[in-house]
Amino acid sequence: MRILLRPRTPVWVLLLLAPAIPELLTGSTPITRLAIDPVGFVVGWGFDVALYGCGALVIREFAVLLRRGWASIVLWGAAYGIGEEGFAVHTFFERSGPPVGVLTTYGAAAGVDWLWALGLTIFHATYSIALPILLVRLAFPAVSEARWLDPGALALTGAVYLADVVVLALLVGHGPSVAAFALFLALAVALVTLGALAPRSLLRVSSGPSRLGRLGIGVAGALEWIGWVAVLVIAGARALPAGAAALLLVTLDALALAIVLRRVGAVELERSQIAFAAGMLVPLFLWDILIEASVPGILLVAAAAAYLLYRLARVVDARSRPIVLPRGVGGAP
């Protein structure tokens, strides 16, 4: 039972990056807690790594093992979202208060916060799973298609994730009704099955160059977060029926997907991928500055994340730049 990579850096980066984006960057886990309550932070962060990190690592490994593509990663990421919010921390069934807030009444029925469940399932599929996997692939391209874990290590990682879900469920309490549990379990199983069956080419971009600049690709990446903010504004004002707000969120996500599939090409794909990732993250940086600035340490986290994203973009840009040989070298005219 071992990690197959030498060095093991990509494994550790994915384990830590998967919880860092949805927890540290959104302010859900203030980084200053490390100084104020180091023991509490370390324990909580351990739960986060076991949940997000192990979940992302298992999904990434199965995608490589079964030779599946982004469709499978997103579908499995959606199942992960149900596992976290539905079965582990039970936010799908909150009656009042944070983190669900107004969505405990807007878009809620029969003991389930349906609009929150939709939004968080999409959020975890993209921000908690697909985005960190994409960023690690861009950072370590030489091992992006390689197995990282042997079967024993993969089984142990999955067991740690499942144990974390069970322990959190017991600690949180106020879980779903039997009917709601059965429904979401069936949805999770269906998503896992669809992910296993989805062909590798399902969400593959077209051949040839991109027909959209980096700014346009970045805007496409930002559409999901824009949609979620719009849902929160609409919910607070009760401006539209909850069903219309849900439709808006799904429509913007579908638009982002359509833009990628129709306008992004396989030529210089890494540049397009880093532009899309930046489009997903920049709205979070602005959210931290404009909305979450009172969360201790959040601006420092946003600044650090923005710097690391910039450095990765520079590396990707340099790697994608054509090599121009001097005259007479290697047959250059």
C-alpha atoms as a PDB file:
ATOM      1  CA  MET A   1       0.000   0.000   0.000  1.00  0.00           C
ATOM      2  CA  ARG A   2       1.873   3.056  -1.246  1.00  0.00           C
ATOM      3  CA  ILE A   3       1.847   6.318  -3.138  1.00  0.00           C
ATOM      4  CA  LEU A   4       3.238   5.581  -6.580  1.00  0.00           C
ATOM      5  CA  LEU A   5       4.612   9.061  -7.290  1.00  0.00           C
ATOM      6  CA  ARG A   6       8.146  10.177  -6.512  1.00  0.00           C
ATOM      7  CA  PRO A   7       8.089  12.923  -5.345  1.00  0.00           C
ATOM      8  CA  ARG A   8       4.647  12.895  -3.764  1.00  0.00           C
ATOM      9  CA  THR A   9       4.074  16.644  -4.106  1.00  0.00           C
ATOM     10  CA  PRO A  10       1.015  16.469  -6.434  1.00  0.00           C
ATOM     11  CA  VAL A  11      -0.818  14.199  -3.981  1.00  0.00           C
ATOM     12  CA  TRP A  12      -0.264  16.583  -1.075  1.00  0.00           C
ATOM     13  CA  VAL A  13      -1.132  19.633  -3.185  1.00  0.00           C
ATOM     14  CA  LEU A  14      -4.493  18.154  -4.201  1.00  0.00           C
ATOM     15  CA  LEU A  15      -5.233  17.012  -0.641  1.00  0.00           C
ATOM     16  CA  LEU A  16      -4.681  20.555   0.660  1.00  0.00           C
ATOM     17  CA  LEU A  17      -5.985  22.577  -2.298  1.00  0.00           C
ATOM     18  CA  ALA A  18      -9.379  20.841  -2.428  1.00  0.00           C
ATOM     19  CA  PRO A  19     -10.414  22.106   1.050  1.00  0.00           C
ATOM     20  CA  ALA A  20      -8.513  25.404   0.746  1.00  0.00           C
ATOM     21  CA  ILE A  21     -10.703  26.811  -2.046  1.00  0.00           C
ATOM     22  CA  PRO A  22     -14.166  26.200  -0.496  1.00  0.00           C
ATOM     23  CA  GLU A  23     -13.082  26.703   3.123  1.00  0.00           C
ATOM     24  CA  LEU A  24     -10.224  29.205   3.403  1.00  0.00           C
ATOM     25  CA  LEU A  25     -10.993  31.264   0.325  1.00  0.00           C
ATOM     26  CA  THR A  26     -14.685  31.672   1.131  1.00  0.00           C
ATOM     27  CA  GLY A  27     -14.034  32.519   4.785  1.00  0.00           C
ATOM     28  CA  SER A  28     -15.892  29.446   6.036  1.00  0.00           C
ATOM     29  CA  THR A  29     -12.714  28.553   7.932  1.00  0.00           C
ATOM     30  CA  PRO A  30     -10.885  31.772   8.970  1.00  0.00           C
ATOM     31  CA  ILE A  31      -7.141  31.301   8.648  1.00  0.00           C
ATOM     32  CA  THR A  32      -6.529  33.380  11.791  1.00  0.00           C
ATOM     33  CA  ARG A  33      -8.086  30.587  13.829  1.00  0.00           C
ATOM     34  CA  LEU A  34      -4.713  28.892  13.450  1.00  0.00           C
ATOM     35  CA  ALA A  35      -3.221  31.543  15.762  1.00  0.00           C
ATOM     36  CA  ILE A  36      -6.213  31.984  18.070  1.00  0.00           C
ATOM     37  CA  ASP A  37      -7.183  28.320  18.486  1.00  0.00           C
ATOM     38  CA  PRO A  38      -4.447  26.187  16.896  1.00  0.00           C
ATOM     39  CA  VAL A  39      -5.737  22.889  18.255  1.00  0.00           C
ATOM     40  CA  GLY A  40      -9.271  23.569  17.066  1.00  0.00           C
ATOM     41  CA  PHE A  41      -7.996  24.686  13.660  1.00  0.00           C
ATOM     42  CA  VAL A  42      -5.801  21.602  13.207  1.00  0.00           C
ATOM     43  CA  VAL A  43      -8.639  19.252  14.189  1.00  0.00           C
ATOM     44  CA  GLY A  44     -11.128  21.021  11.920  1.00  0.00           C
ATOM     45  CA  TRP A  45      -8.636  21.177   9.077  1.00  0.00           C
ATOM     46  CA  GLY A  46      -7.983  17.465   9.489  1.00  0.00           C
ATOM     47  CA  PHE A  47     -11.696  16.799   8.994  1.00  0.00           C
ATOM     48  CA  ASP A  48     -11.665  19.075   5.921  1.00  0.00           C
ATOM     49  CA  VAL A  49      -8.691  17.314   4.355  1.00  0.00           C
ATOM     50  CA  ALA A  50     -10.256  13.909   5.013  1.00  0.00           C
ATOM     51  CA  LEU A  51     -13.496  15.109   3.412  1.00  0.00           C
ATOM     52  CA  TYR A  52     -12.538  17.415   0.531  1.00  0.00           C
ATOM     53  CA  GLY A  53      -8.990  16.210  -0.071  1.00  0.00           C
ATOM     54  CA  CYS A  54      -9.664  12.495   0.049  1.00  0.00           C
ATOM     55  CA  GLY A  55     -12.852  12.948  -1.974  1.00  0.00           C
ATOM     56  CA  ALA A  56     -11.021  14.855  -4.729  1.00  0.00           C
ATOM     57  CA  LEU A  57      -8.131  12.383  -4.706  1.00  0.00           C
ATOM     58  CA  VAL A  58     -10.443   9.363  -5.036  1.00  0.00           C
ATOM     59  CA  ILE A  59     -12.370  11.004  -7.896  1.00  0.00           C
ATOM     60  CA  ARG A  60      -9.137  11.956  -9.651  1.00  0.00           C
ATOM     61  CA  GLU A  61      -7.773   8.417  -9.298  1.00  0.00           C
ATOM     62  CA  PHE A  62     -10.916   6.763 -10.648  1.00  0.00           C
ATOM     63  CA  ALA A  63     -10.975   9.173 -13.589  1.00  0.00           C
ATOM     64  CA  VAL A  64      -7.444   8.030 -14.488  1.00  0.00           C
ATOM     65  CA  LEU A  65      -8.065   4.356 -13.692  1.00  0.00           C
ATOM     66  CA  LEU A  66     -11.245   4.165 -15.799  1.00  0.00           C
ATOM     67  CA  ARG A  67      -9.913   6.584 -18.448  1.00  0.00           C
ATOM     68  CA  ARG A  68     -12.791   9.001 -17.953  1.00  0.00           C
ATOM     69  CA  GLY A  69     -12.931  12.726 -18.710  1.00  0.00           C
ATOM     70  CA  TRP A  70     -14.351  15.918 -17.268  1.00  0.00           C
ATOM     71  CA  ALA A  71     -17.968  14.760 -17.529  1.00  0.00           C
ATOM     72  CA  SER A  72     -17.215  11.946 -15.083  1.00  0.00           C
ATOM     73  CA  ILE A  73     -15.272  14.239 -12.745  1.00  0.00           C
ATOM     74  CA  VAL A  74     -18.154  16.732 -12.608  1.00  0.00           C
ATOM     75  CA  LEU A  75     -20.802  14.027 -12.112  1.00  0.00           C
ATOM     76  CA  TRP A  76     -18.777  12.391  -9.348  1.00  0.00           C
ATOM     77  CA  GLY A  77     -18.151  15.847  -7.902  1.00  0.00           C
ATOM     78  CA  ALA A  78     -21.903  16.403  -7.731  1.00  0.00           C
ATOM     79  CA  ALA A  79     -22.251  13.094  -5.866  1.00  0.00           C
ATOM     80  CA  TYR A  80     -19.504  14.315  -3.543  1.00  0.00           C
ATOM     81  CA  GLY A  81     -21.522  17.501  -2.925  1.00  0.00           C
ATOM     82  CA  ILE A  82     -24.517  15.425  -1.865  1.00  0.00           C
ATOM     83  CA  GLY A  83     -22.244  13.360   0.363  1.00  0.00           C
ATOM     84  CA  GLU A  84     -20.839  16.409   2.116  1.00  0.00           C
ATOM     85  CA  GLU A  85     -23.831  18.699   2.472  1.00  0.00           C
ATOM     86  CA  GLY A  86     -26.526  16.047   2.590  1.00  0.00           C
ATOM     87  CA  PHE A  87     -24.999  13.164   4.512  1.00  0.00           C
ATOM     88  CA  ALA A  88     -22.056  14.667   6.440  1.00  0.00           C
ATOM     89  CA  VAL A  89     -22.960  18.186   7.616  1.00  0.00           C
ATOM     90  CA  HIS A  90     -26.717  18.053   6.824  1.00  0.00           C
ATOM     91  CA  THR A  91     -27.026  21.627   5.525  1.00  0.00           C
ATOM     92  CA  PHE A  92     -29.615  20.417   3.003  1.00  0.00           C
ATOM     93  CA  PHE A  93     -31.953  20.054   5.985  1.00  0.00           C
ATOM     94  CA  GLU A  94     -31.213  23.168   8.068  1.00  0.00           C
ATOM     95  CA  ARG A  95     -34.334  24.745   9.564  1.00  0.00           C
ATOM     96  CA  SER A  96     -32.827  28.210  10.150  1.00  0.00           C
ATOM     97  CA  GLY A  97     -29.594  30.124  10.531  1.00  0.00           C
ATOM     98  CA  PRO A  98     -26.159  29.849   8.930  1.00  0.00           C
ATOM     99  CA  PRO A  99     -24.810  28.798   6.580  1.00  0.00           C
ATOM    100  CA  VAL A 100     -28.072  28.408   4.666  1.00  0.00           C
ATOM    101  CA  GLY A 101     -29.658  31.668   5.841  1.00  0.00           C
ATOM    102  CA  VAL A 102     -32.603  32.874   3.796  1.00  0.00           C
ATOM    103  CA  LEU A 103     -32.613  29.677   1.724  1.00  0.00           C
ATOM    104  CA  THR A 104     -34.007  27.772   4.709  1.00  0.00           C
ATOM    105  CA  THR A 105     -37.351  29.294   3.745  1.00  0.00           C
ATOM    106  CA  TYR A 106     -36.880  30.419   0.122  1.00  0.00           C
ATOM    107  CA  GLY A 107     -36.895  27.343  -2.084  1.00  0.00           C
ATOM    108  CA  ALA A 108     -37.451  24.956   0.819  1.00  0.00           C
ATOM    109  CA  ALA A 109     -40.193  22.360   1.200  1.00  0.00           C
ATOM    110  CA  ALA A 110     -40.826  19.085   3.012  1.00  0.00           C
ATOM    111  CA  GLY A 111     -37.830  19.583   5.275  1.00  0.00           C
ATOM    112  CA  VAL A 112     -35.346  20.044   2.420  1.00  0.00           C
ATOM    113  CA  ASP A 113     -33.668  23.292   1.359  1.00  0.00           C
ATOM    114  CA  TRP A 114     -33.961  22.522  -2.351  1.00  0.00           C
ATOM    115  CA  LEU A 115     -32.450  25.678  -3.804  1.00  0.00           C
ATOM    116  CA  TRP A 116     -29.504  25.496  -1.401  1.00  0.00           C
ATOM    117  CA  ALA A 117     -29.095  21.798  -2.248  1.00  0.00           C
ATOM    118  CA  LEU A 118     -28.985  22.593  -5.968  1.00  0.00           C
ATOM    119  CA  GLY A 119     -26.516  25.453  -5.562  1.00  0.00           C
ATOM    120  CA  LEU A 120     -24.175  23.603  -3.205  1.00  0.00           C
ATOM    121  CA  THR A 121     -24.189  20.428  -5.287  1.00  0.00           C
ATOM    122  CA  ILE A 122     -23.073  22.445  -8.311  1.00  0.00           C
ATOM    123  CA  PHE A 123     -20.582  24.426  -6.213  1.00  0.00           C
ATOM    124  CA  HIS A 124     -18.882  21.337  -4.825  1.00  0.00           C
ATOM    125  CA  ALA A 125     -18.820  19.607  -8.210  1.00  0.00           C
ATOM    126  CA  THR A 126     -16.996  22.570  -9.726  1.00  0.00           C
ATOM    127  CA  TYR A 127     -15.124  24.506  -7.009  1.00  0.00           C
ATOM    128  CA  SER A 128     -14.363  21.694  -4.553  1.00  0.00           C
ATOM    129  CA  ILE A 129     -13.575  18.897  -7.019  1.00  0.00           C
ATOM    130  CA  ALA A 130     -13.141  19.874 -10.684  1.00  0.00           C
ATOM    131  CA  LEU A 131     -11.255  23.151 -10.095  1.00  0.00           C
ATOM    132  CA  PRO A 132      -8.551  21.783  -7.763  1.00  0.00           C
ATOM    133  CA  ILE A 133      -8.069  18.762 -10.045  1.00  0.00           C
ATOM    134  CA  LEU A 134      -7.675  21.113 -13.009  1.00  0.00           C
ATOM    135  CA  LEU A 135      -5.195  23.349 -11.193  1.00  0.00           C
ATOM    136  CA  VAL A 136      -3.093  20.386 -10.062  1.00  0.00           C
ATOM    137  CA  ARG A 137      -3.102  19.013 -13.610  1.00  0.00           C
ATOM    138  CA  LEU A 138      -1.824  22.354 -14.875  1.00  0.00           C
ATOM    139  CA  ALA A 139       0.820  22.524 -12.157  1.00  0.00           C
ATOM    140  CA  PHE A 140       2.060  18.939 -12.692  1.00  0.00           C
ATOM    141  CA  PRO A 141       1.388  18.064 -16.355  1.00  0.00           C
ATOM    142  CA  ALA A 142       3.965  15.252 -16.478  1.00  0.00           C
ATOM    143  CA  VAL A 143       1.896  13.101 -14.092  1.00  0.00           C
ATOM    144  CA  SER A 144      -1.598  14.334 -14.973  1.00  0.00           C
ATOM    145  CA  GLU A 145      -2.572  11.025 -16.604  1.00  0.00           C
ATOM    146  CA  ALA A 146      -0.621   8.736 -14.272  1.00  0.00           C
ATOM    147  CA  ARG A 147      -1.893   6.657 -11.370  1.00  0.00           C
ATOM    148  CA  TRP A 148      -0.898   8.254  -8.066  1.00  0.00           C
ATOM    149  CA  LEU A 149      -2.051   5.534  -5.654  1.00  0.00           C
ATOM    150  CA  ASP A 150      -1.841   1.776  -5.680  1.00  0.00           C
ATOM    151  CA  PRO A 151      -5.099  -0.153  -4.985  1.00  0.00           C
ATOM    152  CA  GLY A 152      -4.432  -0.352  -1.241  1.00  0.00           C
ATOM    153  CA  ALA A 153      -3.738   3.375  -0.909  1.00  0.00           C
ATOM    154  CA  LEU A 154      -6.823   4.169  -2.991  1.00  0.00           C
ATOM    155  CA  ALA A 155      -8.989   1.950  -0.783  1.00  0.00           C
ATOM    156  CA  LEU A 156      -7.555   3.568   2.352  1.00  0.00           C
ATOM    157  CA  THR A 157      -8.216   7.066   0.968  1.00  0.00           C
ATOM    158  CA  GLY A 158     -11.814   6.144   0.196  1.00  0.00           C
ATOM    159  CA  ALA A 159     -12.234   4.620   3.648  1.00  0.00           C
ATOM    160  CA  VAL A 160     -10.926   7.798   5.305  1.00  0.00           C
ATOM    161  CA  TYR A 161     -13.439   9.855   3.317  1.00  0.00           C
ATOM    162  CA  LEU A 162     -16.367   7.589   4.251  1.00  0.00           C
ATOM    163  CA  ALA A 163     -15.339   7.490   7.904  1.00  0.00           C
ATOM    164  CA  ASP A 164     -15.180  11.285   7.937  1.00  0.00           C
ATOM    165  CA  VAL A 165     -18.706  11.512   6.518  1.00  0.00           C
ATOM    166  CA  VAL A 166     -20.029   9.156   9.203  1.00  0.00           C
ATOM    167  CA  VAL A 167     -18.251  10.927  12.078  1.00  0.00           C
ATOM    168  CA  LEU A 168     -19.421  14.366  10.920  1.00  0.00           C
ATOM    169  CA  ALA A 169     -22.980  13.097  10.523  1.00  0.00           C
ATOM    170  CA  LEU A 170     -22.957  11.838  14.094  1.00  0.00           C
ATOM    171  CA  LEU A 171     -21.471  15.083  15.412  1.00  0.00           C
ATOM    172  CA  VAL A 172     -23.862  17.369  13.531  1.00  0.00           C
ATOM    173  CA  GLY A 173     -27.133  15.577  14.153  1.00  0.00           C
ATOM    174  CA  HIS A 174     -30.526  16.913  12.857  1.00  0.00           C
ATOM    175  CA  GLY A 175     -30.252  14.751   9.784  1.00  0.00           C
ATOM    176  CA  PRO A 176     -32.699  14.023   6.972  1.00  0.00           C
ATOM    177  CA  SER A 177     -35.909  12.099   7.194  1.00  0.00           C
ATOM    178  CA  VAL A 178     -35.838   8.510   5.967  1.00  0.00           C
ATOM    179  CA  ALA A 179     -37.533   9.559   2.729  1.00  0.00           C
ATOM    180  CA  ALA A 180     -35.093  12.424   2.119  1.00  0.00           C
ATOM    181  CA  PHE A 181     -32.120  10.198   2.915  1.00  0.00           C
ATOM    182  CA  ALA A 182     -33.333   7.568   0.451  1.00  0.00           C
ATOM    183  CA  LEU A 183     -33.924  10.194  -2.241  1.00  0.00           C
ATOM    184  CA  PHE A 184     -30.497  11.795  -1.965  1.00  0.00           C
ATOM    185  CA  LEU A 185     -28.793   8.413  -1.689  1.00  0.00           C
ATOM    186  CA  ALA A 186     -30.514   7.383  -4.922  1.00  0.00           C
ATOM    187  CA  LEU A 187     -29.401  10.638  -6.564  1.00  0.00           C
ATOM    188  CA  ALA A 188     -25.813  10.108  -5.432  1.00  0.00           C
ATOM    189  CA  VAL A 189     -25.781   6.520  -6.706  1.00  0.00           C
ATOM    190  CA  ALA A 190     -27.252   7.681 -10.033  1.00  0.00           C
ATOM    191  CA  LEU A 191     -24.565  10.364 -10.393  1.00  0.00           C
ATOM    192  CA  VAL A 192     -21.784   7.893  -9.589  1.00  0.00           C
ATOM    193  CA  THR A 193     -23.196   5.430 -12.117  1.00  0.00           C
ATOM    194  CA  LEU A 194     -23.556   8.074 -14.821  1.00  0.00           C
ATOM    195  CA  GLY A 195     -20.004   9.195 -14.157  1.00  0.00           C
ATOM    196  CA  ALA A 196     -18.730   5.645 -14.589  1.00  0.00           C
ATOM    197  CA  LEU A 197     -20.623   5.280 -17.877  1.00  0.00           C
ATOM    198  CA  ALA A 198     -19.912   8.734 -19.344  1.00  0.00           C
ATOM    199  CA  PRO A 199     -17.537   8.504 -22.323  1.00  0.00           C
ATOM    200  CA  ARG A 200     -14.210  10.302 -22.048  1.00  0.00           C
ATOM    201  CA  SER A 201     -15.083  12.481 -25.038  1.00  0.00           C
ATOM    202  CA  LEU A 202     -18.407  13.752 -23.666  1.00  0.00           C
ATOM    203  CA  LEU A 203     -17.152  17.205 -22.607  1.00  0.00           C
ATOM    204  CA  ARG A 204     -14.099  17.333 -24.855  1.00  0.00           C
ATOM    205  CA  VAL A 205     -13.515  20.664 -26.577  1.00  0.00           C
ATOM    206  CA  SER A 206     -13.436  20.925 -30.345  1.00  0.00           C
ATOM    207  CA  SER A 207     -10.254  20.559 -32.346  1.00  0.00           C
ATOM    208  CA  GLY A 208      -8.435  23.575 -33.700  1.00  0.00           C
ATOM    209  CA  PRO A 209      -7.789  26.977 -32.108  1.00  0.00           C
ATOM    210  CA  SER A 210     -10.100  28.717 -29.671  1.00  0.00           C
ATOM    211  CA  ARG A 211     -12.535  31.182 -31.146  1.00  0.00           C
ATOM    212  CA  LEU A 212     -12.696  33.162 -27.932  1.00  0.00           C
ATOM    213  CA  GLY A 213     -10.040  35.227 -26.179  1.00  0.00           C
ATOM    214  CA  ARG A 214      -8.847  34.679 -22.645  1.00  0.00           C
ATOM    215  CA  LEU A 215     -11.109  37.424 -21.311  1.00  0.00           C
ATOM    216  CA  GLY A 216     -14.179  35.772 -22.814  1.00  0.00           C
ATOM    217  CA  ILE A 217     -13.149  32.400 -21.443  1.00  0.00           C
ATOM    218  CA  GLY A 218     -12.632  34.005 -18.031  1.00  0.00           C
ATOM    219  CA  VAL A 219     -16.122  35.512 -18.145  1.00  0.00           C
ATOM    220  CA  ALA A 220     -17.511  32.048 -18.916  1.00  0.00           C
ATOM    221  CA  GLY A 221     -15.684  30.713 -15.861  1.00  0.00           C
ATOM    222  CA  ALA A 222     -17.241  33.439 -13.709  1.00  0.00           C
ATOM    223  CA  LEU A 223     -20.838  32.678 -14.709  1.00  0.00           C
ATOM    224  CA  GLU A 224     -21.461  30.110 -11.982  1.00  0.00           C
ATOM    225  CA  TRP A 225     -20.435  32.429  -9.159  1.00  0.00           C
ATOM    226  CA  ILE A 226     -22.377  35.284 -10.775  1.00  0.00           C
ATOM    227  CA  GLY A 227     -25.431  33.035 -10.886  1.00  0.00           C
ATOM    228  CA  TRP A 228     -25.074  32.051  -7.237  1.00  0.00           C
ATOM    229  CA  VAL A 229     -24.767  35.684  -6.138  1.00  0.00           C
ATOM    230  CA  ALA A 230     -27.835  36.504  -8.233  1.00  0.00           C
ATOM    231  CA  VAL A 231     -29.748  33.698  -6.489  1.00  0.00           C
ATOM    232  CA  LEU A 232     -28.800  35.075  -3.071  1.00  0.00           C
ATOM    233  CA  VAL A 233     -29.903  38.592  -4.066  1.00  0.00           C
ATOM    234  CA  ILE A 234     -33.176  37.319  -5.523  1.00  0.00           C
ATOM    235  CA  ALA A 235     -33.797  35.200  -2.429  1.00  0.00           C
ATOM    236  CA  GLY A 236     -33.179  38.106  -0.084  1.00  0.00           C
ATOM    237  CA  ALA A 237     -35.583  40.344  -1.997  1.00  0.00           C
ATOM    238  CA  ARG A 238     -38.069  37.572  -2.835  1.00  0.00           C
ATOM    239  CA  ALA A 239     -37.942  39.097  -6.315  1.00  0.00           C
ATOM    240  CA  LEU A 240     -38.806  35.882  -8.185  1.00  0.00           C
ATOM    241  CA  PRO A 241     -40.276  32.497  -7.366  1.00  0.00           C
ATOM    242  CA  ALA A 242     -37.623  30.067  -6.137  1.00  0.00           C
ATOM    243  CA  GLY A 243     -38.090  27.907  -9.219  1.00  0.00           C
ATOM    244  CA  ALA A 244     -37.172  30.846 -11.449  1.00  0.00           C
ATOM    245  CA  ALA A 245     -34.037  31.476  -9.395  1.00  0.00           C
ATOM    246  CA  ALA A 246     -33.051  27.815  -9.745  1.00  0.00           C
ATOM    247  CA  LEU A 247     -33.646  28.002 -13.491  1.00  0.00           C
ATOM    248  CA  LEU A 248     -31.424  31.088 -13.702  1.00  0.00           C
ATOM    249  CA  LEU A 249     -28.586  29.297 -11.923  1.00  0.00           C
ATOM    250  CA  VAL A 250     -28.844  26.214 -14.137  1.00  0.00           C
ATOM    251  CA  THR A 251     -29.097  28.360 -17.268  1.00  0.00           C
ATOM    252  CA  LEU A 252     -25.917  30.291 -16.478  1.00  0.00           C
ATOM    253  CA  ASP A 253     -24.047  27.067 -15.764  1.00  0.00           C
ATOM    254  CA  ALA A 254     -25.313  25.584 -19.020  1.00  0.00           C
ATOM    255  CA  LEU A 255     -24.255  28.765 -20.844  1.00  0.00           C
ATOM    256  CA  ALA A 256     -20.737  28.494 -19.427  1.00  0.00           C
ATOM    257  CA  LEU A 257     -20.563  24.871 -20.562  1.00  0.00           C
ATOM    258  CA  ALA A 258     -21.881  25.741 -24.030  1.00  0.00           C
ATOM    259  CA  ILE A 259     -19.284  28.507 -24.419  1.00  0.00           C
ATOM    260  CA  VAL A 260     -16.476  26.122 -23.527  1.00  0.00           C
ATOM    261  CA  LEU A 261     -17.654  23.351 -25.848  1.00  0.00           C
ATOM    262  CA  ARG A 262     -18.443  25.601 -28.804  1.00  0.00           C
ATOM    263  CA  ARG A 263     -15.779  28.307 -28.577  1.00  0.00           C
ATOM    264  CA  VAL A 264     -12.727  26.761 -26.873  1.00  0.00           C
ATOM    265  CA  GLY A 265     -10.389  24.668 -29.021  1.00  0.00           C
ATOM    266  CA  ALA A 266      -7.763  22.052 -28.290  1.00  0.00           C
ATOM    267  CA  VAL A 267      -4.939  24.271 -29.556  1.00  0.00           C
ATOM    268  CA  GLU A 268      -3.190  25.927 -26.573  1.00  0.00           C
ATOM    269  CA  LEU A 269      -5.787  24.275 -24.360  1.00  0.00           C
ATOM    270  CA  GLU A 270      -3.794  24.853 -21.163  1.00  0.00           C
ATOM    271  CA  ARG A 271      -3.959  28.615 -21.705  1.00  0.00           C
ATOM    272  CA  SER A 272      -7.725  28.367 -22.074  1.00  0.00           C
ATOM    273  CA  GLN A 273      -7.953  26.196 -18.963  1.00  0.00           C
ATOM    274  CA  ILE A 274      -5.999  28.625 -16.790  1.00  0.00           C
ATOM    275  CA  ALA A 275      -8.148  31.479 -18.118  1.00  0.00           C
ATOM    276  CA  PHE A 276     -11.309  29.565 -17.182  1.00  0.00           C
ATOM    277  CA  ALA A 277      -9.891  28.759 -13.735  1.00  0.00           C
ATOM    278  CA  ALA A 278      -9.029  32.431 -13.235  1.00  0.00           C
ATOM    279  CA  GLY A 279     -12.584  33.323 -14.218  1.00  0.00           C
ATOM    280  CA  MET A 280     -13.868  31.013 -11.493  1.00  0.00           C
ATOM    281  CA  LEU A 281     -11.518  32.375  -8.829  1.00  0.00           C
ATOM    282  CA  VAL A 282     -11.437  36.126  -9.479  1.00  0.00           C
ATOM    283  CA  PRO A 283     -15.100  36.578  -8.406  1.00  0.00           C
ATOM    284  CA  LEU A 284     -14.184  34.868  -5.131  1.00  0.00           C
ATOM    285  CA  PHE A 285     -11.336  37.346  -4.645  1.00  0.00           C
ATOM    286  CA  LEU A 286     -13.770  40.225  -5.245  1.00  0.00           C
ATOM    287  CA  TRP A 287     -16.307  38.598  -2.917  1.00  0.00           C
ATOM    288  CA  ASP A 288     -13.659  38.461  -0.201  1.00  0.00           C
ATOM    289  CA  ILE A 289     -12.811  42.145  -0.696  1.00  0.00           C
ATOM    290  CA  LEU A 290     -16.365  43.473  -0.979  1.00  0.00           C
ATOM    291  CA  ILE A 291     -18.422  41.116   1.203  1.00  0.00           C
ATOM    292  CA  GLU A 292     -16.173  39.035   3.464  1.00  0.00           C
ATOM    293  CA  ALA A 293     -13.529  41.637   4.340  1.00  0.00           C
ATOM    294  CA  SER A 294     -14.552  41.518   8.017  1.00  0.00           C
ATOM    295  CA  VAL A 295     -13.587  37.815   8.234  1.00  0.00           C
ATOM    296  CA  PRO A 296     -10.184  37.775   9.963  1.00  0.00           C
ATOM    297  CA  GLY A 297      -7.365  37.009   7.557  1.00  0.00           C
ATOM    298  CA  ILE A 298      -9.565  36.620   4.476  1.00  0.00           C
ATOM    299  CA  LEU A 299      -7.787  39.356   2.511  1.00  0.00           C
ATOM    300  CA  LEU A 300      -4.437  37.711   3.194  1.00  0.00           C
ATOM    301  CA  VAL A 301      -5.793  34.385   1.926  1.00  0.00           C
ATOM    302  CA  ALA A 302      -7.224  36.046  -1.187  1.00  0.00           C
ATOM    303  CA  ALA A 303      -3.930  37.841  -1.878  1.00  0.00           C
ATOM    304  CA  ALA A 304      -1.932  34.611  -1.478  1.00  0.00           C
ATOM    305  CA  ALA A 305      -4.313  32.700  -3.736  1.00  0.00           C
ATOM    306  CA  ALA A 306      -4.227  35.450  -6.372  1.00  0.00           C
ATOM    307  CA  TYR A 307      -0.423  35.419  -6.340  1.00  0.00           C
ATOM    308  CA  LEU A 308      -0.236  31.626  -6.700  1.00  0.00           C
ATOM    309  CA  LEU A 309      -2.766  31.754  -9.549  1.00  0.00           C
ATOM    310  CA  TYR A 310      -0.673  34.440 -11.260  1.00  0.00           C
ATOM    311  CA  ARG A 311       2.491  32.332 -10.891  1.00  0.00           C
ATOM    312  CA  LEU A 312       0.752  29.271 -12.306  1.00  0.00           C
ATOM    313  CA  ALA A 313      -0.584  31.310 -15.224  1.00  0.00           C
ATOM    314  CA  ARG A 314       2.963  32.490 -15.978  1.00  0.00           C
ATOM    315  CA  VAL A 315       4.243  28.903 -15.927  1.00  0.00           C
ATOM    316  CA  VAL A 316       1.438  27.713 -18.199  1.00  0.00           C
ATOM    317  CA  ASP A 317       1.990  30.626 -20.563  1.00  0.00           C
ATOM    318  CA  ALA A 318       5.714  29.924 -20.798  1.00  0.00           C
ATOM    319  CA  ARG A 319       5.081  26.218 -21.331  1.00  0.00           C
ATOM    320  CA  SER A 320       2.567  26.901 -24.096  1.00  0.00           C
ATOM    321  CA  ARG A 321       4.705  29.463 -25.920  1.00  0.00           C
ATOM    322  CA  PRO A 322       6.184  28.095 -29.172  1.00  0.00           C
ATOM    323  CA  ILE A 323       9.950  27.596 -29.121  1.00  0.00           C
ATOM    324  CA  VAL A 324      11.662  29.747 -31.736  1.00  0.00           C
ATOM    325  CA  LEU A 325      15.030  28.363 -32.823  1.00  0.00           C
ATOM    326  CA  PRO A 326      17.864  30.630 -33.953  1.00  0.00           C
ATOM    327  CA  ARG A 327      18.683  30.645 -37.651  1.00  0.00           C
ATOM    328  CA  GLY A 328      20.455  27.503 -38.740  1.00  0.00           C
ATOM    329  CA  VAL A 329      19.663  25.519 -35.582  1.00  0.00           C
ATOM    330  CA  GLY A 330      17.672  22.337 -36.050  1.00  0.00           C
ATOM    331  CA  GLY A 331      16.952  23.204 -39.666  1.00  0.00           C
ATOM    332  CA  ALA A 332      15.455  26.620 -38.866  1.00  0.00           C
ATOM    333  CA  PRO A 333      15.685  28.874 -41.974  1.00  0.00           C
END
